[in-house]
PDB file of N, CA and C in Angstrom:
ATOM      1  N   UNK A   1       0.971  -0.923  -0.130  1.00  0.00           N
ATOM      2  CA  UNK A   1       0.399   0.102  -0.019  1.00  0.00           C
ATOM      3  C   UNK A   1       0.985   1.422   0.087  1.00  0.00           C
ATOM      4  N   UNK A   2       0.372   1.762  -1.137  1.00  0.00           N
ATOM      5  CA  UNK A   2       1.060   3.354  -1.059  1.00  0.00           C
ATOM      6  C   UNK A   2       1.106   4.504  -0.087  1.00  0.00           C
ATOM      7  N   UNK A   3       1.969   4.808   0.609  1.00  0.00           N
ATOM      8  CA  UNK A   3       1.761   5.653   1.969  1.00  0.00           C
ATOM      9  C   UNK A   3       2.526   7.538   1.202  1.00  0.00           C
ATOM     10  N   UNK A   4       1.027   7.802   0.988  1.00  0.00           N
ATOM     11  CA  UNK A   4       1.591   9.484   0.359  1.00  0.00           C
ATOM     12  C   UNK A   4       2.913  10.833   1.469  1.00  0.00           C
ATOM     13  N   UNK A   5       2.793  10.080   2.314  1.00  0.00           N
ATOM     14  CA  UNK A   5       4.091  10.623   3.317  1.00  0.00           C
ATOM     15  C   UNK A   5       5.368  10.174   2.719  1.00  0.00           C
ATOM     16  N   UNK A   6       5.618   8.902   2.497  1.00  0.00           N
ATOM     17  CA  UNK A   6       6.738   8.139   2.049  1.00  0.00           C
ATOM     18  C   UNK A   6       7.492   8.384   0.540  1.00  0.00           C
ATOM     19  N   UNK A   7       8.495   8.771   0.675  1.00  0.00           N
ATOM     20  CA  UNK A   7       9.386   9.202  -0.628  1.00  0.00           C
ATOM     21  C   UNK A   7       9.572   7.969  -1.517  1.00  0.00           C
ATOM     22  N   UNK A   8       9.933   7.766  -2.632  1.00  0.00           N
ATOM     23  CA  UNK A   8      10.000   6.825  -3.554  1.00  0.00           C
ATOM     24  C   UNK A   8      11.655   7.098  -4.144  1.00  0.00           C
ATOM     25  N   UNK A   9      12.191   6.031  -4.240  1.00  0.00           N
ATOM     26  CA  UNK A   9      12.969   6.073  -4.979  1.00  0.00           C
ATOM     27  C   UNK A   9      12.891   5.382  -6.061  1.00  0.00           C
ATOM     28  N   UNK A  10      14.104   5.708  -7.188  1.00  0.00           N
ATOM     29  CA  UNK A  10      13.995   5.036  -8.194  1.00  0.00           C
ATOM     30  C   UNK A  10      15.905   4.549  -8.221  1.00  0.00           C
ATOM     31  N   UNK A  11      16.393   3.174  -8.577  1.00  0.00           N
ATOM     32  CA  UNK A  11      18.003   2.930  -8.761  1.00  0.00           C
ATOM     33  C   UNK A  11      17.741   2.729 -10.430  1.00  0.00           C
ATOM     34  N   UNK A  12      18.436   3.538 -10.793  1.00  0.00           N
ATOM     35  CA  UNK A  12      18.782   3.324 -12.110  1.00  0.00           C
ATOM     36  C   UNK A  12      20.356   3.074 -12.482  1.00  0.00           C
ATOM     37  N   UNK A  13      20.447   1.559 -13.596  1.00  0.00           N
ATOM     38  CA  UNK A  13      21.322   1.314 -14.025  1.00  0.00           C
ATOM     39  C   UNK A  13      20.952   1.612 -15.436  1.00  0.00           C
ATOM     40  N   UNK A  14      22.070   1.951 -16.687  1.00  0.00           N
ATOM     41  CA  UNK A  14      22.098   1.901 -18.111  1.00  0.00           C
ATOM     42  C   UNK A  14      23.606   1.676 -18.453  1.00  0.00           C
ATOM     43  N   UNK A  15      23.351   1.557 -19.527  1.00  0.00           N
ATOM     44  CA  UNK A  15      24.465   0.974 -20.589  1.00  0.00           C
ATOM     45  C   UNK A  15      24.424   2.379 -21.384  1.00  0.00           C
ATOM     46  N   UNK A  16      25.256   3.191 -21.488  1.00  0.00           N
ATOM     47  CA  UNK A  16      24.997   4.413 -22.957  1.00  0.00           C
ATOM     48  C   UNK A  16      26.029   4.250 -23.908  1.00  0.00           C
ATOM     49  N   UNK A  17      25.205   3.875 -25.006  1.00  0.00           N
ATOM     50  CA  UNK A  17      25.936   4.123 -26.284  1.00  0.00           C
ATOM     51  C   UNK A  17      27.533   4.695 -26.252  1.00  0.00           C
ATOM     52  N   UNK A  18      26.291   5.896 -26.294  1.00  0.00           N
ATOM     53  CA  UNK A  18      27.705   7.205 -26.573  1.00  0.00           C
ATOM     54  C   UNK A  18      27.044   8.580 -25.719  1.00  0.00           C
ATOM     55  N   UNK A  19      28.035   8.955 -24.432  1.00  0.00           N
ATOM     56  CA  UNK A  19      27.703   9.741 -23.629  1.00  0.00           C
ATOM     57  C   UNK A  19      27.565  10.979 -24.116  1.00  0.00           C
ATOM     58  N   UNK A  20      28.100  11.727 -24.987  1.00  0.00           N
ATOM     59  CA  UNK A  20      27.650  12.833 -25.515  1.00  0.00           C
ATOM     60  C   UNK A  20      26.488  13.061 -26.316  1.00  0.00           C
ATOM     61  N   UNK A  21      26.046  12.152 -27.282  1.00  0.00           N
ATOM     62  CA  UNK A  21      24.849  12.071 -27.702  1.00  0.00           C
ATOM     63  C   UNK A  21      23.778  11.745 -26.650  1.00  0.00           C
ATOM     64  N   UNK A  22      23.661  11.202 -25.521  1.00  0.00           N
ATOM     65  CA  UNK A  22      22.948  10.745 -24.982  1.00  0.00           C
ATOM     66  C   UNK A  22      22.606  11.880 -23.958  1.00  0.00           C
ATOM     67  N   UNK A  23      23.761  12.617 -23.660  1.00  0.00           N
ATOM     68  CA  UNK A  23      23.842  14.504 -22.918  1.00  0.00           C
ATOM     69  C   UNK A  23      22.531  15.072 -23.815  1.00  0.00           C
ATOM     70  N   UNK A  24      23.221  15.146 -25.201  1.00  0.00           N
ATOM     71  CA  UNK A  24      22.432  16.356 -26.200  1.00  0.00           C
ATOM     72  C   UNK A  24      20.781  15.650 -26.504  1.00  0.00           C
ATOM     73  N   UNK A  25      20.421  14.355 -26.840  1.00  0.00           N
ATOM     74  CA  UNK A  25      19.316  14.358 -27.105  1.00  0.00           C
ATOM     75  C   UNK A  25      18.488  13.959 -26.125  1.00  0.00           C
ATOM     76  N   UNK A  26      18.783  13.615 -25.021  1.00  0.00           N
ATOM     77  CA  UNK A  26      18.169  12.778 -23.820  1.00  0.00           C
ATOM     78  C   UNK A  26      18.206  13.985 -22.519  1.00  0.00           C
ATOM     79  N   UNK A  27      19.501  13.862 -21.351  1.00  0.00           N
ATOM     80  CA  UNK A  27      19.657  14.581 -20.268  1.00  0.00           C
ATOM     81  C   UNK A  27      19.015  16.104 -20.423  1.00  0.00           C
ATOM     82  N   UNK A  28      19.830  16.802 -21.769  1.00  0.00           N
ATOM     83  CA  UNK A  28      19.124  18.253 -21.056  1.00  0.00           C
ATOM     84  C   UNK A  28      17.670  18.269 -21.322  1.00  0.00           C
ATOM     85  N   UNK A  29      16.762  17.464 -21.603  1.00  0.00           N
ATOM     86  CA  UNK A  29      15.521  17.639 -21.707  1.00  0.00           C
ATOM     87  C   UNK A  29      14.374  16.946 -20.705  1.00  0.00           C
ATOM     88  N   UNK A  30      14.967  15.846 -20.169  1.00  0.00           N
ATOM     89  CA  UNK A  30      14.911  14.807 -18.765  1.00  0.00           C
ATOM     90  C   UNK A  30      14.909  15.446 -17.433  1.00  0.00           C
ATOM     91  N   UNK A  31      15.455  16.404 -17.419  1.00  0.00           N
ATOM     92  CA  UNK A  31      16.280  16.765 -15.969  1.00  0.00           C
ATOM     93  C   UNK A  31      15.216  17.943 -15.571  1.00  0.00           C
ATOM     94  N   UNK A  32      14.728  19.072 -16.868  1.00  0.00           N
ATOM     95  CA  UNK A  32      13.157  19.682 -16.323  1.00  0.00           C
ATOM     96  C   UNK A  32      11.870  18.936 -16.332  1.00  0.00           C
ATOM     97  N   UNK A  33      11.683  17.703 -16.776  1.00  0.00           N
ATOM     98  CA  UNK A  33      10.890  17.039 -16.327  1.00  0.00           C
ATOM     99  C   UNK A  33      10.383  16.041 -15.332  1.00  0.00           C
ATOM    100  N   UNK A  34      11.945  16.110 -14.934  1.00  0.00           N
ATOM    101  CA  UNK A  34      12.315  15.260 -13.012  1.00  0.00           C
ATOM    102  C   UNK A  34      11.500  16.180 -12.141  1.00  0.00           C
ATOM    103  N   UNK A  35      12.149  17.663 -12.562  1.00  0.00           N
ATOM    104  CA  UNK A  35      11.854  19.132 -11.486  1.00  0.00           C
ATOM    105  C   UNK A  35      10.594  18.721 -11.467  1.00  0.00           C
ATOM    106  N   UNK A  36      10.010  19.112 -12.415  1.00  0.00           N
ATOM    107  CA  UNK A  36       8.388  19.468 -12.543  1.00  0.00           C
ATOM    108  C   UNK A  36       7.792  18.225 -11.367  1.00  0.00           C
ATOM    109  N   UNK A  37       8.149  17.319 -11.362  1.00  0.00           N
ATOM    110  CA  UNK A  37       7.460  16.074 -10.502  1.00  0.00           C
ATOM    111  C   UNK A  37       8.325  15.932  -9.110  1.00  0.00           C
ATOM    112  N   UNK A  38       8.890  16.776  -9.175  1.00  0.00           N
ATOM    113  CA  UNK A  38      10.155  17.192  -8.056  1.00  0.00           C
ATOM    114  C   UNK A  38      10.504  16.221  -7.371  1.00  0.00           C
ATOM    115  N   UNK A  39      11.646  15.815  -8.595  1.00  0.00           N
ATOM    116  CA  UNK A  39      12.638  14.674  -8.538  1.00  0.00           C
ATOM    117  C   UNK A  39      14.143  15.223  -7.493  1.00  0.00           C
ATOM    118  N   UNK A  40      14.431  14.520  -7.077  1.00  0.00           N
ATOM    119  CA  UNK A  40      16.221  15.159  -6.879  1.00  0.00           C
ATOM    120  C   UNK A  40      16.945  14.035  -6.694  1.00  0.00           C
ATOM    121  N   UNK A  41      18.208  14.285  -7.472  1.00  0.00           N
ATOM    122  CA  UNK A  41      19.120  12.988  -7.924  1.00  0.00           C
ATOM    123  C   UNK A  41      20.230  13.145  -6.551  1.00  0.00           C
ATOM    124  N   UNK A  42      20.097  11.863  -5.623  1.00  0.00           N
ATOM    125  CA  UNK A  42      20.509  11.796  -5.141  1.00  0.00           C
ATOM    126  C   UNK A  42      22.096  11.085  -4.762  1.00  0.00           C
ATOM    127  N   UNK A  43      22.439  10.431  -6.029  1.00  0.00           N
ATOM    128  CA  UNK A  43      23.895  10.176  -6.471  1.00  0.00           C
ATOM    129  C   UNK A  43      23.544   9.825  -7.668  1.00  0.00           C
ATOM    130  N   UNK A  44      24.864  10.142  -8.307  1.00  0.00           N
ATOM    131  CA  UNK A  44      24.795   9.409 -10.196  1.00  0.00           C
ATOM    132  C   UNK A  44      26.535   9.073 -10.357  1.00  0.00           C
ATOM    133  N   UNK A  45      26.958   7.949 -10.844  1.00  0.00           N
ATOM    134  CA  UNK A  45      28.283   8.032 -11.812  1.00  0.00           C
ATOM    135  C   UNK A  45      28.152   6.870 -12.448  1.00  0.00           C
ATOM    136  N   UNK A  46      29.286   7.763 -13.294  1.00  0.00           N
ATOM    137  CA  UNK A  46      29.589   6.429 -14.567  1.00  0.00           C
ATOM    138  C   UNK A  46      30.473   5.631 -13.895  1.00  0.00           C
ATOM    139  N   UNK A  47      31.032   5.709 -12.292  1.00  0.00           N
ATOM    140  CA  UNK A  47      32.127   4.595 -12.067  1.00  0.00           C
ATOM    141  C   UNK A  47      31.609   3.669 -10.480  1.00  0.00           C
ATOM    142  N   UNK A  48      29.958   3.241 -10.428  1.00  0.00           N
ATOM    143  CA  UNK A  48      29.970   2.878  -9.213  1.00  0.00           C
ATOM    144  C   UNK A  48      30.440   2.154  -8.491  1.00  0.00           C
ATOM    145  N   UNK A  49      30.795   2.011  -7.373  1.00  0.00           N
ATOM    146  CA  UNK A  49      31.985   0.345  -6.774  1.00  0.00           C
ATOM    147  C   UNK A  49      30.518  -1.041  -6.705  1.00  0.00           C
ATOM    148  N   UNK A  50      31.066  -1.718  -7.314  1.00  0.00           N
ATOM    149  CA  UNK A  50      29.999  -3.099  -7.327  1.00  0.00           C
ATOM    150  C   UNK A  50      30.459  -4.057  -6.100  1.00  0.00           C
ATOM    151  N   UNK A  51      30.041  -4.227  -5.209  1.00  0.00           N
ATOM    152  CA  UNK A  51      30.587  -4.875  -4.238  1.00  0.00           C
ATOM    153  C   UNK A  51      29.770  -6.889  -4.479  1.00  0.00           C
ATOM    154  N   UNK A  52      28.584  -6.644  -4.778  1.00  0.00           N
ATOM    155  CA  UNK A  52      28.235  -8.276  -4.785  1.00  0.00           C
ATOM    156  C   UNK A  52      27.307  -8.118  -6.326  1.00  0.00           C
ATOM    157  N   UNK A  53      27.435  -9.028  -6.726  1.00  0.00           N
ATOM    158  CA  UNK A  53      26.643  -9.452  -8.401  1.00  0.00           C
ATOM    159  C   UNK A  53      27.631  -8.333  -9.631  1.00  0.00           C
ATOM    160  N   UNK A  54      26.682  -8.267 -10.688  1.00  0.00           N
ATOM    161  CA  UNK A  54      27.199  -7.534 -11.756  1.00  0.00           C
ATOM    162  C   UNK A  54      26.565  -6.122 -12.153  1.00  0.00           C
ATOM    163  N   UNK A  55      27.833  -5.071 -12.528  1.00  0.00           N
ATOM    164  CA  UNK A  55      26.516  -3.990 -12.848  1.00  0.00           C
ATOM    165  C   UNK A  55      27.682  -3.740 -14.528  1.00  0.00           C
ATOM    166  N   UNK A  56      26.825  -4.065 -15.312  1.00  0.00           N
ATOM    167  CA  UNK A  56      26.887  -4.050 -16.871  1.00  0.00           C
ATOM    168  C   UNK A  56      26.097  -2.652 -17.411  1.00  0.00           C
ATOM    169  N   UNK A  57      26.781  -1.772 -16.530  1.00  0.00           N
ATOM    170  CA  UNK A  57      26.510   0.059 -16.824  1.00  0.00           C
ATOM    171  C   UNK A  57      27.497   0.326 -17.377  1.00  0.00           C
ATOM    172  N   UNK A  58      27.395   1.684 -17.838  1.00  0.00           N
ATOM    173  CA  UNK A  58      28.202   2.667 -17.477  1.00  0.00           C
ATOM    174  C   UNK A  58      27.853   3.962 -16.886  1.00  0.00           C
ATOM    175  N   UNK A  59      26.488   4.090 -16.328  1.00  0.00           N
ATOM    176  CA  UNK A  59      25.918   5.042 -15.527  1.00  0.00           C
ATOM    177  C   UNK A  59      24.836   4.277 -14.651  1.00  0.00           C
ATOM    178  N   UNK A  60      25.020   4.912 -13.521  1.00  0.00           N
ATOM    179  CA  UNK A  60      23.780   4.390 -12.264  1.00  0.00           C
ATOM    180  C   UNK A  60      23.461   5.545 -10.864  1.00  0.00           C
ATOM    181  N   UNK A  61      22.346   5.858 -11.318  1.00  0.00           N
ATOM    182  CA  UNK A  61      21.898   7.088 -10.514  1.00  0.00           C
ATOM    183  C   UNK A  61      20.683   6.006  -9.511  1.00  0.00           C
ATOM    184  N   UNK A  62      20.518   7.471  -7.906  1.00  0.00           N
ATOM    185  CA  UNK A  62      19.460   6.921  -7.640  1.00  0.00           C
ATOM    186  C   UNK A  62      18.630   8.280  -7.212  1.00  0.00           C
ATOM    187  N   UNK A  63      17.646   8.238  -7.611  1.00  0.00           N
ATOM    188  CA  UNK A  63      16.451   9.457  -7.733  1.00  0.00           C
ATOM    189  C   UNK A  63      15.677   9.157  -6.773  1.00  0.00           C
ATOM    190  N   UNK A  64      15.332  11.105  -5.774  1.00  0.00           N
ATOM    191  CA  UNK A  64      14.343  10.628  -4.629  1.00  0.00           C
ATOM    192  C   UNK A  64      12.842  11.357  -5.473  1.00  0.00           C
ATOM    193  N   UNK A  65      11.721  10.485  -5.617  1.00  0.00           N
ATOM    194  CA  UNK A  65      10.683  11.103  -5.836  1.00  0.00           C
ATOM    195  C   UNK A  65       9.578  11.486  -4.300  1.00  0.00           C
ATOM    196  N   UNK A  66       8.990  12.447  -4.205  1.00  0.00           N
ATOM    197  CA  UNK A  66       8.072  12.829  -3.280  1.00  0.00           C
ATOM    198  C   UNK A  66       7.425  11.911  -2.869  1.00  0.00           C
ATOM    199  N   UNK A  67       6.862  10.867  -3.916  1.00  0.00           N
ATOM    200  CA  UNK A  67       6.215   9.857  -3.277  1.00  0.00           C
ATOM    201  C   UNK A  67       6.226   8.577  -4.633  1.00  0.00           C
ATOM    202  N   UNK A  68       5.906   7.610  -4.489  1.00  0.00           N
ATOM    203  CA  UNK A  68       5.100   6.770  -5.322  1.00  0.00           C
ATOM    204  C   UNK A  68       4.716   6.780  -6.210  1.00  0.00           C
ATOM    205  N   UNK A  69       3.593   7.748  -6.434  1.00  0.00           N
ATOM    206  CA  UNK A  69       2.911   8.228  -7.260  1.00  0.00           C
ATOM    207  C   UNK A  69       3.293   8.722  -8.112  1.00  0.00           C
ATOM    208  N   UNK A  70       4.409  10.066  -7.417  1.00  0.00           N
ATOM    209  CA  UNK A  70       4.693  10.783  -8.162  1.00  0.00           C
ATOM    210  C   UNK A  70       5.664  10.271  -8.713  1.00  0.00           C
ATOM    211  N   UNK A  71       6.790   9.035  -8.497  1.00  0.00           N
ATOM    212  CA  UNK A  71       7.018   8.127  -9.436  1.00  0.00           C
ATOM    213  C   UNK A  71       6.664   7.544 -10.846  1.00  0.00           C
ATOM    214  N   UNK A  72       5.950   7.234 -10.181  1.00  0.00           N
ATOM    215  CA  UNK A  72       4.939   6.938 -11.583  1.00  0.00           C
ATOM    216  C   UNK A  72       3.981   7.591 -12.401  1.00  0.00           C
ATOM    217  N   UNK A  73       4.049   8.523 -11.958  1.00  0.00           N
ATOM    218  CA  UNK A  73       3.369   9.959 -12.809  1.00  0.00           C
ATOM    219  C   UNK A  73       4.153  10.226 -13.879  1.00  0.00           C
ATOM    220  N   UNK A  74       5.979  10.382 -13.401  1.00  0.00           N
ATOM    221  CA  UNK A  74       7.004  10.954 -14.502  1.00  0.00           C
ATOM    222  C   UNK A  74       6.807   9.737 -15.092  1.00  0.00           C
ATOM    223  N   UNK A  75       7.213   8.472 -14.629  1.00  0.00           N
ATOM    224  CA  UNK A  75       7.295   7.570 -15.967  1.00  0.00           C
ATOM    225  C   UNK A  75       6.646   7.091 -16.578  1.00  0.00           C
ATOM    226  N   UNK A  76       5.050   7.583 -16.336  1.00  0.00           N
ATOM    227  CA  UNK A  76       4.111   6.962 -17.204  1.00  0.00           C
ATOM    228  C   UNK A  76       3.719   9.173 -17.981  1.00  0.00           C
ATOM    229  N   UNK A  77       4.611   9.755 -17.941  1.00  0.00           N
ATOM    230  CA  UNK A  77       4.088  10.948 -17.872  1.00  0.00           C
ATOM    231  C   UNK A  77       4.360  11.008 -19.591  1.00  0.00           C
ATOM    232  N   UNK A  78       3.062  11.826 -20.598  1.00  0.00           N
ATOM    233  CA  UNK A  78       3.384  12.176 -21.819  1.00  0.00           C
ATOM    234  C   UNK A  78       4.421  12.667 -21.837  1.00  0.00           C
ATOM    235  N   UNK A  79       5.048  13.982 -20.981  1.00  0.00           N
ATOM    236  CA  UNK A  79       5.763  14.836 -21.450  1.00  0.00           C
ATOM    237  C   UNK A  79       7.355  13.721 -21.316  1.00  0.00           C
ATOM    238  N   UNK A  80       7.411  13.091 -20.689  1.00  0.00           N
ATOM    239  CA  UNK A  80       8.424  11.238 -20.871  1.00  0.00           C
ATOM    240  C   UNK A  80       8.069  10.848 -21.596  1.00  0.00           C
ATOM    241  N   UNK A  81       7.547  10.173 -21.974  1.00  0.00           N
ATOM    242  CA  UNK A  81       7.466   9.125 -22.876  1.00  0.00           C
ATOM    243  C   UNK A  81       8.338   9.187 -24.207  1.00  0.00           C
ATOM    244  N   UNK A  82       8.947  10.000 -25.035  1.00  0.00           N
ATOM    245  CA  UNK A  82       9.519  10.100 -26.369  1.00  0.00           C
ATOM    246  C   UNK A  82      10.782  10.266 -25.773  1.00  0.00           C
ATOM    247  N   UNK A  83      10.860  10.583 -24.485  1.00  0.00           N
ATOM    248  CA  UNK A  83      12.241  10.185 -24.335  1.00  0.00           C
ATOM    249  C   UNK A  83      12.956   9.018 -23.193  1.00  0.00           C
ATOM    250  N   UNK A  84      11.390   8.457 -22.991  1.00  0.00           N
ATOM    251  CA  UNK A  84      11.776   6.772 -22.573  1.00  0.00           C
ATOM    252  C   UNK A  84      12.062   6.270 -23.328  1.00  0.00           C
ATOM    253  N   UNK A  85      11.230   6.321 -24.820  1.00  0.00           N
ATOM    254  CA  UNK A  85      11.528   5.251 -25.955  1.00  0.00           C
ATOM    255  C   UNK A  85      12.987   5.919 -26.655  1.00  0.00           C
ATOM    256  N   UNK A  86      13.334   6.716 -26.959  1.00  0.00           N
ATOM    257  CA  UNK A  86      14.456   7.032 -27.154  1.00  0.00           C
ATOM    258  C   UNK A  86      15.799   6.545 -26.318  1.00  0.00           C
ATOM    259  N   UNK A  87      15.785   6.771 -24.956  1.00  0.00           N
ATOM    260  CA  UNK A  87      16.383   5.983 -24.396  1.00  0.00           C
ATOM    261  C   UNK A  87      16.426   4.598 -24.369  1.00  0.00           C
ATOM    262  N   UNK A  88      15.707   3.656 -24.450  1.00  0.00           N
ATOM    263  CA  UNK A  88      15.044   2.388 -24.720  1.00  0.00           C
ATOM    264  C   UNK A  88      15.767   1.791 -25.952  1.00  0.00           C
ATOM    265  N   UNK A  89      15.294   2.992 -27.231  1.00  0.00           N
ATOM    266  CA  UNK A  89      15.221   2.295 -28.469  1.00  0.00           C
ATOM    267  C   UNK A  89      16.570   2.694 -28.920  1.00  0.00           C
ATOM    268  N   UNK A  90      17.157   3.823 -28.512  1.00  0.00           N
ATOM    269  CA  UNK A  90      18.200   4.125 -29.127  1.00  0.00           C
ATOM    270  C   UNK A  90      19.656   4.676 -28.603  1.00  0.00           C
ATOM    271  N   UNK A  91      19.256   4.966 -27.627  1.00  0.00           N
ATOM    272  CA  UNK A  91      20.121   5.693 -26.956  1.00  0.00           C
ATOM    273  C   UNK A  91      21.462   4.532 -26.016  1.00  0.00           C
ATOM    274  N   UNK A  92      21.027   3.462 -25.547  1.00  0.00           N
ATOM    275  CA  UNK A  92      21.087   2.534 -24.471  1.00  0.00           C
ATOM    276  C   UNK A  92      21.153   1.056 -24.971  1.00  0.00           C
ATOM    277  N   UNK A  93      22.160   0.618 -24.752  1.00  0.00           N
ATOM    278  CA  UNK A  93      22.346  -0.718 -25.218  1.00  0.00           C
ATOM    279  C   UNK A  93      21.642  -1.936 -23.882  1.00  0.00           C
ATOM    280  N   UNK A  94      21.412  -1.384 -22.669  1.00  0.00           N
ATOM    281  CA  UNK A  94      20.380  -1.679 -21.602  1.00  0.00           C
ATOM    282  C   UNK A  94      19.912  -0.921 -20.864  1.00  0.00           C
ATOM    283  N   UNK A  95      18.807  -1.045 -19.745  1.00  0.00           N
ATOM    284  CA  UNK A  95      18.715  -0.285 -19.173  1.00  0.00           C
ATOM    285  C   UNK A  95      17.859  -1.000 -17.530  1.00  0.00           C
ATOM    286  N   UNK A  96      17.863  -0.517 -16.721  1.00  0.00           N
ATOM    287  CA  UNK A  96      16.999  -1.276 -15.534  1.00  0.00           C
ATOM    288  C   UNK A  96      16.842   0.369 -14.372  1.00  0.00           C
ATOM    289  N   UNK A  97      15.274   0.035 -14.361  1.00  0.00           N
ATOM    290  CA  UNK A  97      14.898   0.977 -13.630  1.00  0.00           C
ATOM    291  C   UNK A  97      13.847   0.347 -12.292  1.00  0.00           C
ATOM    292  N   UNK A  98      14.513   0.752 -10.986  1.00  0.00           N
ATOM    293  CA  UNK A  98      13.297   0.007  -9.943  1.00  0.00           C
ATOM    294  C   UNK A  98      13.029   1.066  -9.412  1.00  0.00           C
ATOM    295  N   UNK A  99      11.835   0.957  -9.220  1.00  0.00           N
ATOM    296  CA  UNK A  99      10.796   2.125  -7.928  1.00  0.00           C
ATOM    297  C   UNK A  99      10.982   1.159  -6.560  1.00  0.00           C
ATOM    298  N   UNK A 100      11.486   1.845  -5.401  1.00  0.00           N
ATOM    299  CA  UNK A 100      11.068   1.375  -4.183  1.00  0.00           C
ATOM    300  C   UNK A 100      10.509   2.551  -3.412  1.00  0.00           C
ATOM    301  N   UNK A 101       9.541   2.086  -2.333  1.00  0.00           N
ATOM    302  CA  UNK A 101       8.824   2.863  -1.621  1.00  0.00           C
ATOM    303  C   UNK A 101       9.788   3.228  -0.688  1.00  0.00           C
ATOM    304  N   UNK A 102       9.968   4.186  -0.232  1.00  0.00           N
ATOM    305  CA  UNK A 102      11.085   4.943   1.095  1.00  0.00           C
ATOM    306  C   UNK A 102       9.943   4.830   2.173  1.00  0.00           C
ATOM    307  N   UNK A 103      10.379   4.881   3.725  1.00  0.00           N
ATOM    308  CA  UNK A 103       9.867   5.189   4.921  1.00  0.00           C
ATOM    309  C   UNK A 103       9.371   6.361   4.914  1.00  0.00           C
ATOM    310  N   UNK A 104       7.784   6.323   5.621  1.00  0.00           N
ATOM    311  CA  UNK A 104       7.372   7.866   5.624  1.00  0.00           C
ATOM    312  C   UNK A 104       8.269   8.714   6.505  1.00  0.00           C
ATOM    313  N   UNK A 105       8.345   9.763   6.313  1.00  0.00           N
ATOM    314  CA  UNK A 105       9.065  10.786   6.742  1.00  0.00           C
ATOM    315  C   UNK A 105       8.363  10.845   8.139  1.00  0.00           C
ATOM    316  N   UNK A 106       9.384  11.116   9.254  1.00  0.00           N
ATOM    317  CA  UNK A 106       8.781  11.440  10.127  1.00  0.00           C
ATOM    318  C   UNK A 106       9.479  12.810  10.975  1.00  0.00           C
ATOM    319  N   UNK A 107       9.216  13.674  11.759  1.00  0.00           N
ATOM    320  CA  UNK A 107       9.464  14.625  12.288  1.00  0.00           C
ATOM    321  C   UNK A 107       9.995  14.278  13.940  1.00  0.00           C
ATOM    322  N   UNK A 108      11.256  14.637  13.872  1.00  0.00           N
ATOM    323  CA  UNK A 108      11.432  13.962  15.244  1.00  0.00           C
ATOM    324  C   UNK A 108      11.462  14.906  16.375  1.00  0.00           C
ATOM    325  N   UNK A 109      10.603  14.668  17.626  1.00  0.00           N
ATOM    326  CA  UNK A 109      10.442  15.357  18.581  1.00  0.00           C
ATOM    327  C   UNK A 109      11.282  15.704  19.375  1.00  0.00           C
ATOM    328  N   UNK A 110      11.439  17.104  19.774  1.00  0.00           N
ATOM    329  CA  UNK A 110      12.460  17.673  20.455  1.00  0.00           C
ATOM    330  C   UNK A 110      11.892  18.127  21.882  1.00  0.00           C
TER     331      UNK A 110
END
């Protein structure tokens, strides 16, 4: 069950074919769309440290959404759809995006 007070996170792993082309055709357009949904990039790196399992990408990121519904709304939005298709079908060799529901935000009592 989704809790609207809980943030959501996206774990992203992609293998970009050409970083310059990816930035030119995708990144510069997608970041403003993410901002419309209240997204923060928590971490991102072309060289993450893999301790277990396989990492076949050349870019990994963690995105923080205000809620799971915001994450789903962004992923399914008409604004993002053409860029999603471009990323999947032309700009990358592999893609993995996993959404995780975070814990509800609590305010500490002083």
